[in-house]
Amino acid sequence: MADQKIKLYALSTSGWCKKVKALLAELNVDYDCTDMDLLEGQEREEARAALAKLNPRRSFPTLVAGDEVVVGFDKEKILRCLGVE
């Protein structure tokens, strides 16, 4: 887990996104978070395009850990892809 980059695409107001953030904090996982609803202009378009490649439905939360993508709050999948089972 330490060597893989963790990226979270989220909405700042989403309860499910907040649950993922809380789980990552509880596990002391360093991650980069993009709150899509707080972006504007070109930055928002670039983030939307990046998200669409990983999750064509562009739903939230979308967690990327290495080559794995977890859509939604699925604690078991998140723990598994982080190697924390």
Protein backbone atom coordinates (compact mmCIF):
# COMPACT_ATOMS: atom_id res chain seq x y z
CA MET A 1 0.00 0.00 0.00
CA ALA A 2 2.80 2.43 0.84
CA ASP A 3 4.15 2.50 -2.70
CA GLN A 4 0.85 2.86 -4.54
CA LYS A 5 -0.73 6.21 -5.24
CA ILE A 6 -4.26 6.62 -3.87
CA LYS A 7 -6.63 9.05 -5.60
CA LEU A 8 -10.21 9.83 -4.59
CA TYR A 9 -12.71 11.60 -6.83
CA ALA A 10 -15.49 12.87 -4.59
CA LEU A 11 -18.19 15.43 -3.97
CA SER A 12 -17.69 17.62 -0.91
CA THR A 13 -21.36 17.26 0.09
CA SER A 14 -21.78 13.49 -0.43
CA GLY A 15 -22.30 11.34 2.63
CA TRP A 16 -20.79 8.31 0.85
CA CYS A 17 -17.72 10.32 -0.11
CA LYS A 18 -17.36 11.45 3.50
CA LYS A 19 -17.49 7.79 4.60
CA VAL A 20 -14.62 6.91 2.26
CA LYS A 21 -12.60 9.90 3.50
CA ALA A 22 -13.24 8.86 7.11
CA LEU A 23 -12.20 5.26 6.39
CA LEU A 24 -8.97 6.42 4.73
CA ALA A 25 -8.27 8.73 7.68
CA GLU A 26 -8.95 5.90 10.15
CA LEU A 27 -6.44 3.74 8.25
CA ASN A 28 -3.90 6.60 8.10
CA VAL A 29 -3.79 6.33 4.32
CA ASP A 30 -2.20 9.20 2.42
CA TYR A 31 -4.33 10.04 -0.59
CA ASP A 32 -5.03 12.80 -3.05
CA CYS A 33 -8.66 13.95 -3.12
CA THR A 34 -10.39 15.92 -5.83
CA ASP A 35 -13.75 17.33 -4.71
CA MET A 36 -15.27 17.69 -8.16
CA ASP A 37 -18.01 20.12 -7.11
CA LEU A 38 -15.40 22.61 -5.88
CA LEU A 39 -13.55 22.81 -9.20
CA GLU A 40 -14.24 25.35 -11.93
CA GLY A 41 -13.42 25.91 -15.57
CA GLN A 42 -10.55 24.08 -17.23
CA GLU A 43 -9.51 22.36 -14.00
CA ARG A 44 -13.00 20.86 -13.68
CA GLU A 45 -13.06 19.70 -17.32
CA GLU A 46 -9.67 18.03 -16.98
CA ALA A 47 -10.74 16.26 -13.79
CA ARG A 48 -14.01 15.12 -15.42
CA ALA A 49 -12.09 13.68 -18.38
CA ALA A 50 -9.68 11.84 -16.06
CA LEU A 51 -12.58 10.45 -14.04
CA ALA A 52 -14.46 9.33 -17.18
CA LYS A 53 -11.50 7.13 -18.19
CA LEU A 54 -11.66 5.35 -14.83
CA ASN A 55 -15.41 5.36 -14.27
CA PRO A 56 -17.47 6.10 -17.41
CA ARG A 57 -20.58 6.72 -15.28
CA ARG A 58 -18.66 9.45 -13.41
CA SER A 59 -20.32 8.50 -10.14
CA PHE A 60 -18.99 9.25 -6.68
CA PRO A 61 -17.02 8.31 -4.75
CA THR A 62 -14.46 6.80 -7.13
CA LEU A 63 -11.31 5.54 -5.45
CA VAL A 64 -8.21 4.63 -7.44
CA ALA A 65 -5.49 2.57 -5.78
CA GLY A 66 -2.75 1.56 -8.19
CA ASP A 67 -4.52 -0.20 -11.07
CA GLU A 68 -7.72 -0.86 -9.11
CA VAL A 69 -10.85 1.29 -9.14
CA VAL A 70 -13.58 1.11 -6.50
CA VAL A 71 -16.82 2.92 -7.25
CA GLY A 72 -19.08 3.75 -4.31
CA PHE A 73 -18.53 3.01 -0.65
CA ASP A 74 -17.68 -0.68 -0.59
CA LYS A 75 -15.61 -1.11 2.55
CA GLU A 76 -14.52 -4.68 1.76
CA LYS A 77 -13.33 -3.76 -1.75
CA ILE A 78 -11.58 -0.66 -0.47
CA LEU A 79 -9.75 -2.61 2.23
CA ARG A 80 -8.83 -5.34 -0.26
CA CYS A 81 -7.42 -2.95 -2.86
CA LEU A 82 -5.45 -1.15 -0.13
CA GLY A 83 -4.11 -4.49 1.08
CA VAL A 84 -5.59 -3.99 4.55
CA GLU A 85 -8.03 -6.94 4.63
